[in-house]
Amino acid sequence: CSEVTAVKIAETVSPEESLIVEDLFQSICLKFCLRRNSQQE
């Protein structure tokens, strides 16, 4: 998964919010990657 989007989002919000956004994005990204990987097999 690309973390570029998370970084861009984090740059547009406050430092406190960026931590929440990063955690949220990582969990969504992880689910998306797992789903995509399971579909490929």
PDB file of N, CA and C in Angstrom:
ATOM      1  N   CYS A   1       0.834  -1.201   0.000  1.00  0.00           N
ATOM      2  CA  CYS A   1       0.000   0.000   0.000  1.00  0.00           C
ATOM      3  C   CYS A   1       0.866   1.247   0.000  1.00  0.00           C
ATOM      4  N   SER A   2       0.384   2.275  -0.638  1.00  0.00           N
ATOM      5  CA  SER A   2       1.140   3.524  -0.680  1.00  0.00           C
ATOM      6  C   SER A   2       0.819   4.387   0.531  1.00  0.00           C
ATOM      7  N   GLU A   3       1.858   4.918   1.156  1.00  0.00           N
ATOM      8  CA  GLU A   3       1.653   5.777   2.325  1.00  0.00           C
ATOM      9  C   GLU A   3       1.646   7.247   1.939  1.00  0.00           C
ATOM     10  N   VAL A   4       1.829   7.521   0.631  1.00  0.00           N
ATOM     11  CA  VAL A   4       1.877   8.902   0.150  1.00  0.00           C
ATOM     12  C   VAL A   4       0.574   9.626   0.458  1.00  0.00           C
ATOM     13  N   THR A   5      -0.543   8.944   0.243  1.00  0.00           N
ATOM     14  CA  THR A   5      -1.843   9.559   0.498  1.00  0.00           C
ATOM     15  C   THR A   5      -1.990   9.922   1.964  1.00  0.00           C
ATOM     16  N   ALA A   6      -1.567   9.023   2.843  1.00  0.00           N
ATOM     17  CA  ALA A   6      -1.654   9.273   4.282  1.00  0.00           C
ATOM     18  C   ALA A   6      -0.816  10.481   4.668  1.00  0.00           C
ATOM     19  N   VAL A   7       0.362  10.585   4.058  1.00  0.00           N
ATOM     20  CA  VAL A   7       1.244  11.719   4.341  1.00  0.00           C
ATOM     21  C   VAL A   7       0.600  13.020   3.881  1.00  0.00           C
ATOM     22  N   LYS A   8       0.017  13.013   2.702  1.00  0.00           N
ATOM     23  CA  LYS A   8      -0.640  14.212   2.169  1.00  0.00           C
ATOM     24  C   LYS A   8      -1.797  14.634   3.067  1.00  0.00           C
ATOM     25  N   ILE A   9      -2.588  13.655   3.513  1.00  0.00           N
ATOM     26  CA  ILE A   9      -3.706  13.949   4.407  1.00  0.00           C
ATOM     27  C   ILE A   9      -3.180  14.506   5.724  1.00  0.00           C
ATOM     28  N   ALA A  10      -2.135  13.881   6.257  1.00  0.00           N
ATOM     29  CA  ALA A  10      -1.565  14.296   7.536  1.00  0.00           C
ATOM     30  C   ALA A  10      -1.042  15.726   7.470  1.00  0.00           C
ATOM     31  N   GLU A  11      -0.556  16.129   6.305  1.00  0.00           N
ATOM     32  CA  GLU A  11      -0.004  17.478   6.151  1.00  0.00           C
ATOM     33  C   GLU A  11      -1.096  18.547   6.156  1.00  0.00           C
ATOM     34  N   THR A  12      -2.330  18.150   5.835  1.00  0.00           N
ATOM     35  CA  THR A  12      -3.410  19.128   5.742  1.00  0.00           C
ATOM     36  C   THR A  12      -4.145  19.313   7.065  1.00  0.00           C
ATOM     37  N   VAL A  13      -3.891  18.435   8.036  1.00  0.00           N
ATOM     38  CA  VAL A  13      -4.568  18.539   9.330  1.00  0.00           C
ATOM     39  C   VAL A  13      -3.556  18.845  10.425  1.00  0.00           C
ATOM     40  N   SER A  14      -4.072  19.098  11.626  1.00  0.00           N
ATOM     41  CA  SER A  14      -3.192  19.419  12.749  1.00  0.00           C
ATOM     42  C   SER A  14      -2.434  18.173  13.208  1.00  0.00           C
ATOM     43  N   PRO A  15      -1.315  18.351  13.922  1.00  0.00           N
ATOM     44  CA  PRO A  15      -0.513  17.203  14.386  1.00  0.00           C
ATOM     45  C   PRO A  15      -1.330  16.193  15.184  1.00  0.00           C
ATOM     46  N   GLU A  16      -2.251  16.696  16.016  1.00  0.00           N
ATOM     47  CA  GLU A  16      -3.081  15.783  16.812  1.00  0.00           C
ATOM     48  C   GLU A  16      -3.983  14.949  15.903  1.00  0.00           C
ATOM     49  N   GLU A  17      -4.573  15.619  14.919  1.00  0.00           N
ATOM     50  CA  GLU A  17      -5.479  14.923  14.000  1.00  0.00           C
ATOM     51  C   GLU A  17      -4.725  13.968  13.082  1.00  0.00           C
ATOM     52  N   SER A  18      -3.499  14.343  12.721  1.00  0.00           N
ATOM     53  CA  SER A  18      -2.737  13.528  11.775  1.00  0.00           C
ATOM     54  C   SER A  18      -2.487  12.128  12.322  1.00  0.00           C
ATOM     55  N   LEU A  19      -2.289  12.027  13.641  1.00  0.00           N
ATOM     56  CA  LEU A  19      -2.076  10.713  14.250  1.00  0.00           C
ATOM     57  C   LEU A  19      -3.318   9.849  14.083  1.00  0.00           C
ATOM     58  N   ILE A  20      -4.489  10.461  14.298  1.00  0.00           N
ATOM     59  CA  ILE A  20      -5.756   9.741  14.144  1.00  0.00           C
ATOM     60  C   ILE A  20      -5.956   9.338  12.688  1.00  0.00           C
ATOM     61  N   VAL A  21      -5.677  10.282  11.791  1.00  0.00           N
ATOM     62  CA  VAL A  21      -5.836  10.023  10.359  1.00  0.00           C
ATOM     63  C   VAL A  21      -4.903   8.907   9.906  1.00  0.00           C
ATOM     64  N   GLU A  22      -3.657   8.942  10.397  1.00  0.00           N
ATOM     65  CA  GLU A  22      -2.691   7.906  10.013  1.00  0.00           C
ATOM     66  C   GLU A  22      -3.164   6.530  10.464  1.00  0.00           C
ATOM     67  N   ASP A  23      -3.614   6.427  11.730  1.00  0.00           N
ATOM     68  CA  ASP A  23      -4.100   5.148  12.247  1.00  0.00           C
ATOM     69  C   ASP A  23      -5.290   4.660  11.431  1.00  0.00           C
ATOM     70  N   LEU A  24      -6.209   5.584  11.148  1.00  0.00           N
ATOM     71  CA  LEU A  24      -7.407   5.248  10.391  1.00  0.00           C
ATOM     72  C   LEU A  24      -7.043   4.783   8.989  1.00  0.00           C
ATOM     73  N   PHE A  25      -6.147   5.543   8.338  1.00  0.00           N
ATOM     74  CA  PHE A  25      -5.746   5.220   6.972  1.00  0.00           C
ATOM     75  C   PHE A  25      -5.028   3.883   6.918  1.00  0.00           C
ATOM     76  N   GLN A  26      -4.155   3.631   7.899  1.00  0.00           N
ATOM     77  CA  GLN A  26      -3.402   2.381   7.912  1.00  0.00           C
ATOM     78  C   GLN A  26      -4.333   1.183   8.062  1.00  0.00           C
ATOM     79  N   SER A  27      -5.339   1.298   8.930  1.00  0.00           N
ATOM     80  CA  SER A  27      -6.268   0.188   9.128  1.00  0.00           C
ATOM     81  C   SER A  27      -7.095  -0.060   7.870  1.00  0.00           C
ATOM     82  N   ILE A  28      -7.544   1.013   7.224  1.00  0.00           N
ATOM     83  CA  ILE A  28      -8.312   0.890   5.980  1.00  0.00           C
ATOM     84  C   ILE A  28      -7.437   0.304   4.882  1.00  0.00           C
ATOM     85  N   CYS A  29      -6.198   0.811   4.786  1.00  0.00           N
ATOM     86  CA  CYS A  29      -5.263   0.365   3.763  1.00  0.00           C
ATOM     87  C   CYS A  29      -4.942  -1.110   3.957  1.00  0.00           C
ATOM     88  N   LEU A  30      -4.751  -1.498   5.226  1.00  0.00           N
ATOM     89  CA  LEU A  30      -4.424  -2.885   5.540  1.00  0.00           C
ATOM     90  C   LEU A  30      -5.567  -3.806   5.125  1.00  0.00           C
ATOM     91  N   LYS A  31      -6.790  -3.424   5.451  1.00  0.00           N
ATOM     92  CA  LYS A  31      -7.960  -4.224   5.075  1.00  0.00           C
ATOM     93  C   LYS A  31      -8.068  -4.333   3.559  1.00  0.00           C
ATOM     94  N   PHE A  32      -7.828  -3.207   2.873  1.00  0.00           N
ATOM     95  CA  PHE A  32      -7.907  -3.179   1.416  1.00  0.00           C
ATOM     96  C   PHE A  32      -6.863  -4.099   0.810  1.00  0.00           C
ATOM     97  N   CYS A  33      -5.623  -4.029   1.337  1.00  0.00           N
ATOM     98  CA  CYS A  33      -4.534  -4.863   0.822  1.00  0.00           C
ATOM     99  C   CYS A  33      -4.831  -6.341   1.053  1.00  0.00           C
ATOM    100  N   LEU A  34      -5.311  -6.673   2.240  1.00  0.00           N
ATOM    101  CA  LEU A  34      -5.621  -8.064   2.555  1.00  0.00           C
ATOM    102  C   LEU A  34      -6.719  -8.581   1.639  1.00  0.00           C
ATOM    103  N   ARG A  35      -7.717  -7.746   1.395  1.00  0.00           N
ATOM    104  CA  ARG A  35      -8.829  -8.141   0.531  1.00  0.00           C
ATOM    105  C   ARG A  35      -8.343  -8.343  -0.895  1.00  0.00           C
ATOM    106  N   ARG A  36      -7.484  -7.426  -1.360  1.00  0.00           N
ATOM    107  CA  ARG A  36      -6.965  -7.506  -2.720  1.00  0.00           C
ATOM    108  C   ARG A  36      -6.077  -8.737  -2.879  1.00  0.00           C
ATOM    109  N   ASN A  37      -5.267  -9.023  -1.852  1.00  0.00           N
ATOM    110  CA  ASN A  37      -4.380 -10.183  -1.907  1.00  0.00           C
ATOM    111  C   ASN A  37      -5.183 -11.479  -1.932  1.00  0.00           C
ATOM    112  N   SER A  38      -6.264 -11.532  -1.158  1.00  0.00           N
ATOM    113  CA  SER A  38      -7.078 -12.746  -1.106  1.00  0.00           C
ATOM    114  C   SER A  38      -7.809 -12.965  -2.427  1.00  0.00           C
ATOM    115  N   GLN A  39      -8.141 -11.885  -3.132  1.00  0.00           N
ATOM    116  CA  GLN A  39      -8.825 -12.005  -4.419  1.00  0.00           C
ATOM    117  C   GLN A  39      -7.877 -12.514  -5.499  1.00  0.00           C
ATOM    118  N   GLN A  40      -6.588 -12.166  -5.382  1.00  0.00           N
ATOM    119  CA  GLN A  40      -5.618 -12.573  -6.395  1.00  0.00           C
ATOM    120  C   GLN A  40      -5.356 -14.073  -6.338  1.00  0.00           C
ATOM    121  N   GLU A  41      -5.427 -14.656  -5.139  1.00  0.00           N
ATOM    122  CA  GLU A  41      -5.110 -16.080  -4.998  1.00  0.00           C
ATOM    123  C   GLU A  41      -6.243 -16.966  -5.510  1.00  0.00           C
TER     124      GLU A  41
END
